[in-house]
Each structure stands twice: as C-alpha cells, then as structure tokens.
C-alpha cells in the first residue's frame, strides 16, 4: 500500500528500511522522504514503523547449553 503519495513510498519500503536499521521517523524522512511534502502520511508512516519495530525480535544475548547436560 502506498503510504506517502507525494513521494510514492509504500509500507513495504518502510519495512525494508527498518530491516536495514532505520528506527525513527526522522530517519525515514531523511532517507526516504516520508512526510516531507504535505505531511498527511505522517501518522500512517508512524504506525507502519512502530508495528514493524514491534514485530522484530531483537537478540541481545545468546546462551548455549552444555551438550553433556542435555
């Protein structure tokens, strides 16, 4: 679905940008141009951004079981 009509940015492109490391609206504005013209897409873009950030699993620590203990 097209989120930003002015710059032809889709929800898929926003999710791909998040997968590449973007995590804020400021970064989306700078890198994709989201919400830089009329601004009507800002709330939808924020929702897509937040939903995709929430859906990502972030691994901060790995633990390994001792093979002998298993």
Protein backbone atom coordinates (compact mmCIF):
# COMPACT_ATOMS: atom_id res chain seq x y z
CA UNK A 1 0.00 0.00 0.00
CA UNK A 2 1.25 3.48 -0.77
CA UNK A 3 1.79 5.40 2.47
CA UNK A 4 3.32 8.59 1.11
CA UNK A 5 1.60 9.60 -2.13
CA UNK A 6 3.80 12.67 -2.67
CA UNK A 7 6.98 10.59 -2.76
CA UNK A 8 5.44 7.25 -3.79
CA UNK A 9 6.66 5.39 -0.68
CA UNK A 10 4.99 2.11 0.21
CA UNK A 11 4.62 0.32 3.52
CA UNK A 12 6.94 -2.36 2.11
CA UNK A 13 9.68 0.22 1.57
CA UNK A 14 9.26 1.47 5.14
CA UNK A 15 9.54 -2.10 6.48
CA UNK A 16 12.64 -2.71 4.33
CA UNK A 17 14.19 0.48 5.68
CA UNK A 18 13.54 -0.72 9.23
CA UNK A 19 15.15 -4.05 8.37
CA UNK A 20 18.20 -2.10 7.19
CA UNK A 21 18.46 -0.26 10.51
CA UNK A 22 16.20 2.78 10.42
CA UNK A 23 14.17 3.18 13.59
CA UNK A 24 12.78 6.72 13.75
CA UNK A 25 10.53 8.99 11.72
CA UNK A 26 13.43 11.42 11.38
CA UNK A 27 15.46 8.70 9.66
CA UNK A 28 12.53 7.82 7.39
CA UNK A 29 12.15 11.48 6.46
CA UNK A 30 15.85 11.85 5.71
CA UNK A 31 16.39 8.59 3.83
CA UNK A 32 13.03 8.01 2.11
CA UNK A 33 11.42 11.44 2.08
CA UNK A 34 8.36 10.26 4.02
CA UNK A 35 6.20 13.15 5.29
CA UNK A 36 8.40 15.83 3.72
CA UNK A 37 5.79 17.38 1.42
CA UNK A 38 2.20 17.66 2.62
CA UNK A 39 2.69 15.60 5.81
CA UNK A 40 -0.63 13.78 5.60
CA UNK A 41 1.14 10.41 5.63
CA UNK A 42 3.00 11.00 8.90
CA UNK A 43 0.53 9.18 11.16
CA UNK A 44 0.26 6.16 8.85
CA UNK A 45 4.04 6.03 8.42
CA UNK A 46 4.47 6.13 12.21
CA UNK A 47 2.05 3.23 12.56
CA UNK A 48 3.87 1.13 9.95
CA UNK A 49 7.22 1.97 11.56
CA UNK A 50 6.04 1.12 15.09
CA UNK A 51 4.31 -2.10 14.03
CA UNK A 52 7.37 -3.36 12.21
CA UNK A 53 9.73 -2.40 15.03
CA UNK A 54 7.45 -4.25 17.48
CA UNK A 55 7.37 -7.33 15.28
CA UNK A 56 11.14 -7.64 15.09
CA UNK A 57 12.79 -9.95 17.59
CA UNK A 58 15.92 -8.42 18.97
CA UNK A 59 18.53 -10.84 20.25
CA UNK A 60 20.73 -9.26 22.89
CA UNK A 61 22.36 -12.34 24.37
CA UNK A 62 22.91 -15.91 23.37
CA UNK A 63 23.20 -18.75 25.82
CA UNK A 64 24.39 -22.22 25.00
CA UNK A 65 23.53 -25.36 26.87
CA UNK A 66 26.28 -27.70 27.80
CA UNK A 67 25.92 -30.62 25.39
CA UNK A 68 26.66 -33.07 28.21
CA UNK A 69 23.93 -31.67 30.43
CA UNK A 70 21.25 -32.21 27.82
